[in-house]
C-alpha atoms as a PDB file:
ATOM      1  CA  MET A   1     270.079  89.314-112.284  1.00  0.00           C
ATOM      2  CA  SER A   2     269.506  86.287-109.582  1.00  0.00           C
ATOM      3  CA  TYR A   3     268.563  86.528-106.109  1.00  0.00           C
ATOM      4  CA  LEU A   4     272.294  85.812-104.985  1.00  0.00           C
ATOM      5  CA  GLU A   5     273.581  88.720-107.290  1.00  0.00           C
ATOM      6  CA  ASN A   6     270.898  91.024-106.226  1.00  0.00           C
ATOM      7  CA  LEU A   7     271.853  90.267-102.545  1.00  0.00           C
ATOM      8  CA  LYS A   8     275.459  90.826-103.109  1.00  0.00           C
ATOM      9  CA  HIS A   9     274.841  94.001-104.828  1.00  0.00           C
ATOM     10  CA  ALA A  10     272.594  95.101-101.906  1.00  0.00           C
ATOM     11  CA  GLN A  11     275.265  94.247 -99.230  1.00  0.00           C
ATOM     12  CA  GLN A  12     277.421  96.674-100.919  1.00  0.00           C
ATOM     13  CA  GLY A  13     275.035  99.479 -99.684  1.00  0.00           C
ATOM     14  CA  LEU A  14     274.769  98.185 -96.120  1.00  0.00           C
ATOM     15  CA  SER A  15     277.364  95.660 -95.308  1.00  0.00           C
ATOM     16  CA  PHE A  16     277.027  93.353 -92.305  1.00  0.00           C
ATOM     17  CA  ASP A  17     279.947  94.995 -90.792  1.00  0.00           C
ATOM     18  CA  ALA A  18     277.904  98.394 -90.255  1.00  0.00           C
ATOM     19  CA  TRP A  19     275.376  96.216 -88.412  1.00  0.00           C
ATOM     20  CA  LYS A  20     275.804  95.982 -84.571  1.00  0.00           C
ATOM     21  CA  THR A  21     274.139  92.888 -83.295  1.00  0.00           C
ATOM     22  CA  LEU A  22     272.022  93.206 -80.366  1.00  0.00           C
ATOM     23  CA  HIS A  23     272.415  90.410 -78.305  1.00  0.00           C
ATOM     24  CA  ASP A  24     272.376  91.628 -74.549  1.00  0.00           C
ATOM     25  CA  GLU A  25     269.660  93.438 -72.785  1.00  0.00           C
ATOM     26  CA  GLN A  26     272.273  96.035 -71.399  1.00  0.00           C
ATOM     27  CA  GLN A  27     272.724  97.184 -74.894  1.00  0.00           C
ATOM     28  CA  LEU A  28     269.266  98.680 -74.850  1.00  0.00           C
ATOM     29  CA  ASP A  29     270.506 101.189 -72.253  1.00  0.00           C
ATOM     30  CA  GLU A  30     273.636 102.000 -74.508  1.00  0.00           C
ATOM     31  CA  ILE A  31     271.073 102.583 -77.421  1.00  0.00           C
ATOM     32  CA  ILE A  32     268.981 104.924 -75.297  1.00  0.00           C
ATOM     33  CA  GLU A  33     272.156 107.048 -74.399  1.00  0.00           C
ATOM     34  CA  THR A  34     273.429 106.890 -77.506  1.00  0.00           C
ATOM     35  CA  SER A  35     270.071 108.136 -79.275  1.00  0.00           C
ATOM     36  CA  LYS A  36     270.441 111.247 -77.253  1.00  0.00           C
ATOM     37  CA  GLU A  37     273.436 112.263 -79.466  1.00  0.00           C
ATOM     38  CA  LYS A  38     272.820 110.276 -82.658  1.00  0.00           C
ATOM     39  CA  PRO A  39     269.674 108.528 -83.916  1.00  0.00           C
ATOM     40  CA  VAL A  40     269.596 104.551 -83.374  1.00  0.00           C
ATOM     41  CA  VAL A  41     267.697 102.063 -85.667  1.00  0.00           C
ATOM     42  CA  ILE A  42     266.849  98.572 -84.322  1.00  0.00           C
ATOM     43  CA  PHE A  43     265.915  96.032 -86.949  1.00  0.00           C
ATOM     44  CA  LYS A  44     264.084  93.087 -85.553  1.00  0.00           C
ATOM     45  CA  HIS A  45     264.242  90.247 -87.800  1.00  0.00           C
ATOM     46  CA  SER A  46     262.939  86.716 -87.846  1.00  0.00           C
ATOM     47  CA  THR A  47     265.552  84.393 -89.725  1.00  0.00           C
ATOM     48  CA  THR A  48     263.057  82.116 -90.722  1.00  0.00           C
ATOM     49  CA  CYS A  49     260.457  84.251 -92.245  1.00  0.00           C
ATOM     50  CA  GLY A  50     260.278  85.161 -96.021  1.00  0.00           C
ATOM     51  CA  ILE A  51     258.900  88.616 -95.250  1.00  0.00           C
ATOM     52  CA  SER A  52     261.452  89.523 -92.602  1.00  0.00           C
ATOM     53  CA  GLU A  53     264.074  88.433 -95.252  1.00  0.00           C
ATOM     54  CA  GLY A  54     262.449  90.768 -97.905  1.00  0.00           C
ATOM     55  CA  ALA A  55     262.583  93.729 -95.324  1.00  0.00           C
ATOM     56  CA  LYS A  56     266.221  92.912 -94.564  1.00  0.00           C
ATOM     57  CA  TYR A  57     267.102  92.751 -98.277  1.00  0.00           C
ATOM     58  CA  THR A  58     264.986  95.935 -99.050  1.00  0.00           C
ATOM     59  CA  LEU A  59     267.072  97.994 -96.294  1.00  0.00           C
ATOM     60  CA  MET A  60     270.259  96.631 -97.447  1.00  0.00           C
ATOM     61  CA  GLU A  61     269.499  97.458-101.353  1.00  0.00           C
ATOM     62  CA  ASN A  62     268.575 101.075-100.616  1.00  0.00           C
ATOM     63  CA  TRP A  63     270.730 102.103 -97.800  1.00  0.00           C
ATOM     64  CA  ASP A  64     272.130 105.395 -98.231  1.00  0.00           C
ATOM     65  CA  PHE A  65     272.736 106.577 -94.890  1.00  0.00           C
ATOM     66  CA  GLU A  66     276.571 107.427 -93.741  1.00  0.00           C
ATOM     67  CA  GLY A  67     277.955 105.927 -90.598  1.00  0.00           C
ATOM     68  CA  HIS A  68     277.550 109.357 -88.751  1.00  0.00           C
ATOM     69  CA  GLU A  69     274.243 109.659 -89.364  1.00  0.00           C
ATOM     70  CA  LEU A  70     272.742 106.802 -87.295  1.00  0.00           C
ATOM     71  CA  ASP A  71     273.572 103.630 -85.347  1.00  0.00           C
ATOM     72  CA  PHE A  72     272.146 100.303 -86.748  1.00  0.00           C
ATOM     73  CA  TYR A  73     271.242  97.325 -84.597  1.00  0.00           C
ATOM     74  CA  TYR A  74     270.389  94.005 -85.745  1.00  0.00           C
ATOM     75  CA  LEU A  75     268.045  91.669 -83.550  1.00  0.00           C
ATOM     76  CA  ASP A  76     267.771  88.003 -84.154  1.00  0.00           C
ATOM     77  CA  LEU A  77     264.304  87.401 -82.790  1.00  0.00           C
ATOM     78  CA  LEU A  78     264.814  83.656 -82.749  1.00  0.00           C
ATOM     79  CA  LYS A  79     267.960  83.733 -80.582  1.00  0.00           C
ATOM     80  CA  HIS A  80     266.896  86.724 -78.365  1.00  0.00           C
ATOM     81  CA  ARG A  81     263.337  86.803 -78.164  1.00  0.00           C
ATOM     82  CA  PRO A  82     263.572  88.255 -74.497  1.00  0.00           C
ATOM     83  CA  ILE A  83     265.267  91.316 -75.919  1.00  0.00           C
ATOM     84  CA  SER A  84     262.267  91.761 -78.199  1.00  0.00           C
ATOM     85  CA  ASN A  85     260.029  91.654 -75.225  1.00  0.00           C
ATOM     86  CA  ARG A  86     262.163  94.036 -73.236  1.00  0.00           C
ATOM     87  CA  ILE A  87     262.065  96.543 -76.348  1.00  0.00           C
ATOM     88  CA  ALA A  88     258.212  96.192 -76.500  1.00  0.00           C
ATOM     89  CA  GLN A  89     258.028  97.062 -72.923  1.00  0.00           C
ATOM     90  CA  ASP A  90     260.586  99.874 -72.465  1.00  0.00           C
ATOM     91  CA  PHE A  91     259.588 101.539 -75.538  1.00  0.00           C
ATOM     92  CA  GLN A  92     255.814 100.980 -75.205  1.00  0.00           C
ATOM     93  CA  VAL A  93     255.678  99.379 -79.014  1.00  0.00           C
ATOM     94  CA  THR A  94     253.767  96.360 -79.802  1.00  0.00           C
ATOM     95  CA  HIS A  95     256.030  93.456 -80.909  1.00  0.00           C
ATOM     96  CA  GLN A  96     255.909  92.724 -84.583  1.00  0.00           C
ATOM     97  CA  SER A  97     258.309  91.042 -86.759  1.00  0.00           C
ATOM     98  CA  PRO A  98     259.981  92.118 -88.792  1.00  0.00           C
ATOM     99  CA  GLN A  99     259.889  95.581 -87.351  1.00  0.00           C
ATOM    100  CA  VAL A 100     262.095  98.776 -87.577  1.00  0.00           C
ATOM    101  CA  LEU A 101     262.174 101.093 -84.792  1.00  0.00           C
ATOM    102  CA  LEU A 102     264.124 104.583 -84.961  1.00  0.00           C
ATOM    103  CA  VAL A 103     265.071 105.611 -81.519  1.00  0.00           C
ATOM    104  CA  LYS A 104     266.024 109.497 -80.939  1.00  0.00           C
ATOM    105  CA  ASP A 105     266.321 111.231 -77.740  1.00  0.00           C
ATOM    106  CA  GLY A 106     265.736 107.970 -75.743  1.00  0.00           C
ATOM    107  CA  LYS A 107     262.344 107.382 -76.972  1.00  0.00           C
ATOM    108  CA  VAL A 108     260.797 105.629 -80.094  1.00  0.00           C
ATOM    109  CA  ALA A 109     260.113 108.490 -82.667  1.00  0.00           C
ATOM    110  CA  PHE A 110     259.164 106.057 -85.505  1.00  0.00           C
ATOM    111  CA  HIS A 111     258.356 102.359 -85.928  1.00  0.00           C
ATOM    112  CA  THR A 112     256.827 100.292 -88.458  1.00  0.00           C
ATOM    113  CA  SER A 113     256.798  96.616 -89.829  1.00  0.00           C
ATOM    114  CA  HIS A 114     256.429  94.278 -92.496  1.00  0.00           C
ATOM    115  CA  HIS A 115     256.291  95.563 -96.008  1.00  0.00           C
ATOM    116  CA  ARG A 116     256.173  99.174 -94.729  1.00  0.00           C
ATOM    117  CA  ILE A 117     259.765  98.897 -93.604  1.00  0.00           C
ATOM    118  CA  SER A 118     262.116 101.384 -95.697  1.00  0.00           C
ATOM    119  CA  VAL A 119     265.034 103.452 -96.001  1.00  0.00           C
ATOM    120  CA  ASP A 120     262.567 106.369 -97.051  1.00  0.00           C
ATOM    121  CA  GLY A 121     260.446 105.800 -93.989  1.00  0.00           C
ATOM    122  CA  LEU A 122     263.590 106.181 -91.660  1.00  0.00           C
ATOM    123  CA  ARG A 123     264.995 109.175 -93.664  1.00  0.00           C
ATOM    124  CA  LYS A 124     261.594 111.091 -93.275  1.00  0.00           C
ATOM    125  CA  ASN A 125     261.321 110.601 -89.503  1.00  0.00           C
ATOM    126  CA  LEU A 126     264.991 111.486 -88.725  1.00  0.00           C
END
């Protein structure tokens, strides 16, 4: 199967429609509030990085969460670096790219980066 065929197949698991785009710092306040009722995942992605693209693909290919289990936010780091900086400051997590953060009860319950990003890691920490 070609890369494009694999990507198309992966998108069936986690469609871009399910991803909420994180594009405004005010959304971080919403994420904190939502996380008190339902876990929230933030995926920080550098659109020019091959490792980041691989992490995105891994999430998409293996995604098996139902919409009611958690919310998923996608942050384009190149367009919104100040938001990433605020995430690092507010949640006391060192900035990395790519990076996944699981927010529960207003706090980061789990975070990882680069090749360690996986659906299994998220599921184990829910």
